């Protein structure tokens, strides 16, 4: 899966939010993201909510579809 960080999706996000968004798009669960980034699960949950609000989606599946639509990922 090829990822580029140049879409409008990522232009709205901080660097930490972009990191988390990419892991969500890769299918990581909250606990896995927390382990990968060495942060607490509650912090990941907060960041996920911020991401969803900024880009106008309700869940990880919608985030994935938006990333695909904007060319962030190519399958």
PDB file of N, CA and C in Angstrom:
ATOM      1  N   UNK A   1       0.840  -1.163   0.000  1.00  0.00           N
ATOM      2  CA  UNK A   1       0.000   0.000   0.000  1.00  0.00           C
ATOM      3  C   UNK A   1       0.894   1.238   0.000  1.00  0.00           C
ATOM      4  N   UNK A   2       0.789   2.084  -0.999  1.00  0.00           N
ATOM      5  CA  UNK A   2       1.609   3.286  -1.107  1.00  0.00           C
ATOM      6  C   UNK A   2       0.896   4.446  -0.423  1.00  0.00           C
ATOM      7  N   UNK A   3       1.641   5.195   0.363  1.00  0.00           N
ATOM      8  CA  UNK A   3       1.063   6.333   1.054  1.00  0.00           C
ATOM      9  C   UNK A   3       1.810   7.600   0.689  1.00  0.00           C
ATOM     10  N   UNK A   4       1.049   8.655   0.500  1.00  0.00           N
ATOM     11  CA  UNK A   4       1.623   9.970   0.298  1.00  0.00           C
ATOM     12  C   UNK A   4       0.946  10.904   1.288  1.00  0.00           C
ATOM     13  N   UNK A   5       1.701  11.840   1.802  1.00  0.00           N
ATOM     14  CA  UNK A   5       1.182  12.718   2.835  1.00  0.00           C
ATOM     15  C   UNK A   5       0.918  14.115   2.284  1.00  0.00           C
ATOM     16  N   UNK A   6       0.405  14.208   1.059  1.00  0.00           N
ATOM     17  CA  UNK A   6       0.248  15.500   0.414  1.00  0.00           C
ATOM     18  C   UNK A   6      -1.204  15.863   0.152  1.00  0.00           C
ATOM     19  N   UNK A   7      -2.143  15.108   0.623  1.00  0.00           N
ATOM     20  CA  UNK A   7      -3.548  15.365   0.333  1.00  0.00           C
ATOM     21  C   UNK A   7      -4.116  16.459   1.214  1.00  0.00           C
ATOM     22  N   UNK A   8      -5.284  16.924   0.841  1.00  0.00           N
ATOM     23  CA  UNK A   8      -6.006  17.889   1.673  1.00  0.00           C
ATOM     24  C   UNK A   8      -6.314  17.290   3.034  1.00  0.00           C
ATOM     25  N   UNK A   9      -6.541  15.999   3.054  1.00  0.00           N
ATOM     26  CA  UNK A   9      -6.810  15.294   4.307  1.00  0.00           C
ATOM     27  C   UNK A   9      -5.719  15.580   5.325  1.00  0.00           C
ATOM     28  N   UNK A  10      -4.482  15.410   4.930  1.00  0.00           N
ATOM     29  CA  UNK A  10      -3.384  15.561   5.871  1.00  0.00           C
ATOM     30  C   UNK A  10      -2.973  17.011   6.082  1.00  0.00           C
ATOM     31  N   UNK A  11      -3.350  17.894   5.180  1.00  0.00           N
ATOM     32  CA  UNK A  11      -3.002  19.307   5.362  1.00  0.00           C
ATOM     33  C   UNK A  11      -3.725  19.903   6.565  1.00  0.00           C
ATOM     34  N   UNK A  12      -4.812  19.285   6.986  1.00  0.00           N
ATOM     35  CA  UNK A  12      -5.582  19.757   8.136  1.00  0.00           C
ATOM     36  C   UNK A  12      -5.046  19.224   9.460  1.00  0.00           C
ATOM     37  N   UNK A  13      -4.168  18.238   9.412  1.00  0.00           N
ATOM     38  CA  UNK A  13      -3.744  17.533  10.621  1.00  0.00           C
ATOM     39  C   UNK A  13      -2.357  17.947  11.088  1.00  0.00           C
ATOM     40  N   UNK A  14      -2.154  17.846  12.403  1.00  0.00           N
ATOM     41  CA  UNK A  14      -0.820  18.040  12.957  1.00  0.00           C
ATOM     42  C   UNK A  14       0.036  16.828  12.583  1.00  0.00           C
ATOM     43  N   UNK A  15       1.324  16.904  12.827  1.00  0.00           N
ATOM     44  CA  UNK A  15       2.188  15.774  12.496  1.00  0.00           C
ATOM     45  C   UNK A  15       1.809  14.538  13.316  1.00  0.00           C
ATOM     46  N   UNK A  16       1.468  14.694  14.587  1.00  0.00           N
ATOM     47  CA  UNK A  16       1.070  13.549  15.422  1.00  0.00           C
ATOM     48  C   UNK A  16      -0.250  12.972  14.929  1.00  0.00           C
ATOM     49  N   UNK A  17      -1.182  13.840  14.572  1.00  0.00           N
ATOM     50  CA  UNK A  17      -2.452  13.359  14.035  1.00  0.00           C
ATOM     51  C   UNK A  17      -2.241  12.615  12.724  1.00  0.00           C
ATOM     52  N   UNK A  18      -1.319  13.092  11.906  1.00  0.00           N
ATOM     53  CA  UNK A  18      -1.012  12.406  10.649  1.00  0.00           C
ATOM     54  C   UNK A  18      -0.438  11.020  10.908  1.00  0.00           C
ATOM     55  N   UNK A  19       0.455  10.922  11.895  1.00  0.00           N
ATOM     56  CA  UNK A  19       1.025   9.611  12.265  1.00  0.00           C
ATOM     57  C   UNK A  19      -0.076   8.637  12.662  1.00  0.00           C
ATOM     58  N   UNK A  20      -0.969   9.121  13.520  1.00  0.00           N
ATOM     59  CA  UNK A  20      -2.063   8.270  14.003  1.00  0.00           C
ATOM     60  C   UNK A  20      -2.993   7.919  12.848  1.00  0.00           C
ATOM     61  N   UNK A  21      -3.312   8.888  12.010  1.00  0.00           N
ATOM     62  CA  UNK A  21      -4.202   8.636  10.871  1.00  0.00           C
ATOM     63  C   UNK A  21      -3.638   7.556   9.958  1.00  0.00           C
ATOM     64  N   UNK A  22      -2.344   7.621   9.675  1.00  0.00           N
ATOM     65  CA  UNK A  22      -1.732   6.596   8.819  1.00  0.00           C
ATOM     66  C   UNK A  22      -1.825   5.207   9.443  1.00  0.00           C
ATOM     67  N   UNK A  23      -1.647   5.134  10.748  1.00  0.00           N
ATOM     68  CA  UNK A  23      -1.761   3.838  11.423  1.00  0.00           C
ATOM     69  C   UNK A  23      -3.199   3.339  11.416  1.00  0.00           C
ATOM     70  N   UNK A  24      -4.154   4.252  11.582  1.00  0.00           N
ATOM     71  CA  UNK A  24      -5.575   3.868  11.492  1.00  0.00           C
ATOM     72  C   UNK A  24      -5.852   3.322  10.098  1.00  0.00           C
ATOM     73  N   UNK A  25      -5.378   4.032   9.089  1.00  0.00           N
ATOM     74  CA  UNK A  25      -5.587   3.620   7.697  1.00  0.00           C
ATOM     75  C   UNK A  25      -4.953   2.255   7.438  1.00  0.00           C
ATOM     76  N   UNK A  26      -3.833   1.983   8.104  1.00  0.00           N
ATOM     77  CA  UNK A  26      -3.180   0.678   7.969  1.00  0.00           C
ATOM     78  C   UNK A  26      -3.914  -0.433   8.726  1.00  0.00           C
ATOM     79  N   UNK A  27      -4.941  -0.064   9.491  1.00  0.00           N
ATOM     80  CA  UNK A  27      -5.745  -1.070  10.181  1.00  0.00           C
ATOM     81  C   UNK A  27      -5.355  -1.320  11.626  1.00  0.00           C
ATOM     82  N   UNK A  28      -4.469  -0.501  12.168  1.00  0.00           N
ATOM     83  CA  UNK A  28      -4.072  -0.668  13.564  1.00  0.00           C
ATOM     84  C   UNK A  28      -5.228  -0.308  14.488  1.00  0.00           C
ATOM     85  N   UNK A  29      -5.365  -1.037  15.566  1.00  0.00           N
ATOM     86  CA  UNK A  29      -6.344  -0.732  16.608  1.00  0.00           C
ATOM     87  C   UNK A  29      -5.712   0.254  17.583  1.00  0.00           C
ATOM     88  N   UNK A  30      -6.553   0.868  18.405  1.00  0.00           N
ATOM     89  CA  UNK A  30      -6.093   1.891  19.347  1.00  0.00           C
ATOM     90  C   UNK A  30      -4.933   1.400  20.195  1.00  0.00           C
ATOM     91  N   UNK A  31      -5.043   0.208  20.750  1.00  0.00           N
ATOM     92  CA  UNK A  31      -3.975  -0.312  21.615  1.00  0.00           C
ATOM     93  C   UNK A  31      -2.675  -0.519  20.850  1.00  0.00           C
ATOM     94  N   UNK A  32      -2.785  -0.951  19.596  1.00  0.00           N
ATOM     95  CA  UNK A  32      -1.587  -1.137  18.766  1.00  0.00           C
ATOM     96  C   UNK A  32      -0.932   0.196  18.413  1.00  0.00           C
ATOM     97  N   UNK A  33      -1.754   1.198  18.136  1.00  0.00           N
ATOM     98  CA  UNK A  33      -1.228   2.527  17.842  1.00  0.00           C
ATOM     99  C   UNK A  33      -0.494   3.060  19.070  1.00  0.00           C
ATOM    100  N   UNK A  34      -1.105   2.892  20.240  1.00  0.00           N
ATOM    101  CA  UNK A  34      -0.486   3.348  21.493  1.00  0.00           C
ATOM    102  C   UNK A  34       0.875   2.695  21.690  1.00  0.00           C
ATOM    103  N   UNK A  35       0.953   1.402  21.466  1.00  0.00           N
ATOM    104  CA  UNK A  35       2.230   0.691  21.603  1.00  0.00           C
ATOM    105  C   UNK A  35       3.247   1.166  20.577  1.00  0.00           C
ATOM    106  N   UNK A  36       2.812   1.326  19.343  1.00  0.00           N
ATOM    107  CA  UNK A  36       3.696   1.746  18.256  1.00  0.00           C
ATOM    108  C   UNK A  36       4.291   3.135  18.519  1.00  0.00           C
ATOM    109  N   UNK A  37       3.475   4.038  19.050  1.00  0.00           N
ATOM    110  CA  UNK A  37       3.919   5.418  19.256  1.00  0.00           C
ATOM    111  C   UNK A  37       4.347   5.698  20.694  1.00  0.00           C
ATOM    112  N   UNK A  38       4.271   4.673  21.531  1.00  0.00           N
ATOM    113  CA  UNK A  38       4.670   4.794  22.933  1.00  0.00           C
ATOM    114  C   UNK A  38       3.885   5.892  23.663  1.00  0.00           C
ATOM    115  N   UNK A  39       2.562   5.864  23.463  1.00  0.00           N
ATOM    116  CA  UNK A  39       1.659   6.779  24.144  1.00  0.00           C
ATOM    117  C   UNK A  39       0.506   5.970  24.728  1.00  0.00           C
ATOM    118  N   UNK A  40      -0.305   6.596  25.565  1.00  0.00           N
ATOM    119  CA  UNK A  40      -1.423   5.902  26.203  1.00  0.00           C
ATOM    120  C   UNK A  40      -2.590   5.720  25.235  1.00  0.00           C
ATOM    121  N   UNK A  41      -3.348   4.664  25.452  1.00  0.00           N
ATOM    122  CA  UNK A  41      -4.527   4.403  24.623  1.00  0.00           C
ATOM    123  C   UNK A  41      -5.524   5.546  24.686  1.00  0.00           C
ATOM    124  N   UNK A  42      -5.675   6.148  25.870  1.00  0.00           N
ATOM    125  CA  UNK A  42      -6.593   7.290  25.993  1.00  0.00           C
ATOM    126  C   UNK A  42      -6.144   8.455  25.121  1.00  0.00           C
ATOM    127  N   UNK A  43      -4.844   8.652  25.013  1.00  0.00           N
ATOM    128  CA  UNK A  43      -4.302   9.709  24.158  1.00  0.00           C
ATOM    129  C   UNK A  43      -4.623   9.411  22.697  1.00  0.00           C
ATOM    130  N   UNK A  44      -4.471   8.167  22.300  1.00  0.00           N
ATOM    131  CA  UNK A  44      -4.802   7.765  20.927  1.00  0.00           C
ATOM    132  C   UNK A  44      -6.285   8.013  20.655  1.00  0.00           C
ATOM    133  N   UNK A  45      -7.126   7.656  21.600  1.00  0.00           N
ATOM    134  CA  UNK A  45      -8.573   7.869  21.427  1.00  0.00           C
ATOM    135  C   UNK A  45      -8.898   9.347  21.244  1.00  0.00           C
ATOM    136  N   UNK A  46      -8.245  10.187  22.016  1.00  0.00           N
ATOM    137  CA  UNK A  46      -8.451  11.633  21.895  1.00  0.00           C
ATOM    138  C   UNK A  46      -7.992  12.135  20.532  1.00  0.00           C
ATOM    139  N   UNK A  47      -6.837  11.679  20.096  1.00  0.00           N
ATOM    140  CA  UNK A  47      -6.301  12.092  18.796  1.00  0.00           C
ATOM    141  C   UNK A  47      -7.220  11.608  17.671  1.00  0.00           C
ATOM    142  N   UNK A  48      -7.720  10.384  17.784  1.00  0.00           N
ATOM    143  CA  UNK A  48      -8.643   9.863  16.767  1.00  0.00           C
ATOM    144  C   UNK A  48      -9.880  10.746  16.654  1.00  0.00           C
ATOM    145  N   UNK A  49     -10.439  11.146  17.787  1.00  0.00           N
ATOM    146  CA  UNK A  49     -11.624  12.017  17.767  1.00  0.00           C
ATOM    147  C   UNK A  49     -11.306  13.343  17.080  1.00  0.00           C
ATOM    148  N   UNK A  50     -10.123  13.892  17.372  1.00  0.00           N
ATOM    149  CA  UNK A  50      -9.706  15.146  16.749  1.00  0.00           C
ATOM    150  C   UNK A  50      -9.572  14.985  15.231  1.00  0.00           C
ATOM    151  N   UNK A  51      -8.978  13.873  14.813  1.00  0.00           N
ATOM    152  CA  UNK A  51      -8.812  13.595  13.383  1.00  0.00           C
ATOM    153  C   UNK A  51     -10.167  13.508  12.701  1.00  0.00           C
ATOM    154  N   UNK A  52     -11.052  12.698  13.262  1.00  0.00           N
ATOM    155  CA  UNK A  52     -12.367  12.493  12.661  1.00  0.00           C
ATOM    156  C   UNK A  52     -13.111  13.819  12.532  1.00  0.00           C
ATOM    157  N   UNK A  53     -13.028  14.656  13.568  1.00  0.00           N
ATOM    158  CA  UNK A  53     -13.713  15.950  13.539  1.00  0.00           C
ATOM    159  C   UNK A  53     -13.114  16.855  12.471  1.00  0.00           C
ATOM    160  N   UNK A  54     -11.791  16.921  12.397  1.00  0.00           N
ATOM    161  CA  UNK A  54     -11.116  17.800  11.434  1.00  0.00           C
ATOM    162  C   UNK A  54     -11.414  17.434   9.989  1.00  0.00           C
ATOM    163  N   UNK A  55     -11.488  16.136   9.706  1.00  0.00           N
ATOM    164  CA  UNK A  55     -11.680  15.723   8.309  1.00  0.00           C
ATOM    165  C   UNK A  55     -13.126  15.376   7.986  1.00  0.00           C
ATOM    166  N   UNK A  56     -13.998  15.424   8.991  1.00  0.00           N
ATOM    167  CA  UNK A  56     -15.426  15.245   8.749  1.00  0.00           C
ATOM    168  C   UNK A  56     -15.876  13.818   8.528  1.00  0.00           C
ATOM    169  N   UNK A  57     -15.294  12.891   9.286  1.00  0.00           N
ATOM    170  CA  UNK A  57     -15.732  11.492   9.216  1.00  0.00           C
ATOM    171  C   UNK A  57     -16.171  11.028  10.602  1.00  0.00           C
ATOM    172  N   UNK A  58     -16.868   9.902  10.636  1.00  0.00           N
ATOM    173  CA  UNK A  58     -17.385   9.379  11.901  1.00  0.00           C
ATOM    174  C   UNK A  58     -16.614   8.194  12.448  1.00  0.00           C
ATOM    175  N   UNK A  59     -15.833   7.529  11.586  1.00  0.00           N
ATOM    176  CA  UNK A  59     -15.133   6.331  12.050  1.00  0.00           C
ATOM    177  C   UNK A  59     -13.941   5.999  11.155  1.00  0.00           C
ATOM    178  N   UNK A  60     -13.239   4.955  11.537  1.00  0.00           N
ATOM    179  CA  UNK A  60     -12.017   4.551  10.829  1.00  0.00           C
ATOM    180  C   UNK A  60     -12.285   4.127   9.388  1.00  0.00           C
ATOM    181  N   UNK A  61     -13.410   3.494   9.157  1.00  0.00           N
ATOM    182  CA  UNK A  61     -13.737   3.047   7.801  1.00  0.00           C
ATOM    183  C   UNK A  61     -13.933   4.249   6.879  1.00  0.00           C
ATOM    184  N   UNK A  62     -14.631   5.254   7.365  1.00  0.00           N
ATOM    185  CA  UNK A  62     -14.817   6.459   6.563  1.00  0.00           C
ATOM    186  C   UNK A  62     -13.486   7.174   6.329  1.00  0.00           C
ATOM    187  N   UNK A  63     -12.610   7.163   7.338  1.00  0.00           N
ATOM    188  CA  UNK A  63     -11.278   7.753   7.178  1.00  0.00           C
ATOM    189  C   UNK A  63     -10.506   7.017   6.084  1.00  0.00           C
ATOM    190  N   UNK A  64     -10.565   5.698   6.100  1.00  0.00           N
ATOM    191  CA  UNK A  64      -9.896   4.886   5.087  1.00  0.00           C
ATOM    192  C   UNK A  64     -10.427   5.223   3.692  1.00  0.00           C
ATOM    193  N   UNK A  65     -11.761   5.305   3.557  1.00  0.00           N
ATOM    194  CA  UNK A  65     -12.363   5.608   2.259  1.00  0.00           C
ATOM    195  C   UNK A  65     -11.965   6.998   1.771  1.00  0.00           C
ATOM    196  N   UNK A  66     -11.915   7.959   2.689  1.00  0.00           N
ATOM    197  CA  UNK A  66     -11.500   9.308   2.324  1.00  0.00           C
ATOM    198  C   UNK A  66     -10.035   9.320   1.890  1.00  0.00           C
ATOM    199  N   UNK A  67      -9.195   8.611   2.614  1.00  0.00           N
ATOM    200  CA  UNK A  67      -7.777   8.526   2.255  1.00  0.00           C
ATOM    201  C   UNK A  67      -7.610   7.899   0.875  1.00  0.00           C
ATOM    202  N   UNK A  68      -8.393   6.895   0.606  1.00  0.00           N
ATOM    203  CA  UNK A  68      -8.343   6.238  -0.697  1.00  0.00           C
ATOM    204  C   UNK A  68      -8.811   7.203  -1.804  1.00  0.00           C
ATOM    205  N   UNK A  69      -9.894   7.906  -1.535  1.00  0.00           N
ATOM    206  CA  UNK A  69     -10.445   8.852  -2.506  1.00  0.00           C
ATOM    207  C   UNK A  69      -9.450   9.966  -2.820  1.00  0.00           C
ATOM    208  N   UNK A  70      -8.732  10.440  -1.804  1.00  0.00           N
ATOM    209  CA  UNK A  70      -7.788  11.545  -1.976  1.00  0.00           C
ATOM    210  C   UNK A  70      -6.418  11.080  -2.460  1.00  0.00           C
ATOM    211  N   UNK A  71      -6.245   9.787  -2.652  1.00  0.00           N
ATOM    212  CA  UNK A  71      -4.989   9.289  -3.177  1.00  0.00           C
ATOM    213  C   UNK A  71      -3.887   9.137  -2.144  1.00  0.00           C
ATOM    214  N   UNK A  72      -4.269   9.164  -0.868  1.00  0.00           N
ATOM    215  CA  UNK A  72      -3.277   8.946   0.190  1.00  0.00           C
ATOM    216  C   UNK A  72      -2.780   7.516   0.130  1.00  0.00           C
ATOM    217  N   UNK A  73      -3.671   6.603  -0.228  1.00  0.00           N
ATOM    218  CA  UNK A  73      -3.295   5.198  -0.383  1.00  0.00           C
ATOM    219  C   UNK A  73      -3.699   4.734  -1.777  1.00  0.00           C
ATOM    220  N   UNK A  74      -2.926   3.856  -2.291  1.00  0.00           N
ATOM    221  CA  UNK A  74      -3.226   3.231  -3.575  1.00  0.00           C
ATOM    222  C   UNK A  74      -3.160   1.731  -3.381  1.00  0.00           C
ATOM    223  N   UNK A  75      -4.271   1.093  -3.639  1.00  0.00           N
ATOM    224  CA  UNK A  75      -4.325  -0.372  -3.468  1.00  0.00           C
ATOM    225  C   UNK A  75      -4.004  -1.070  -4.766  1.00  0.00           C
TER     226      UNK A  75
END
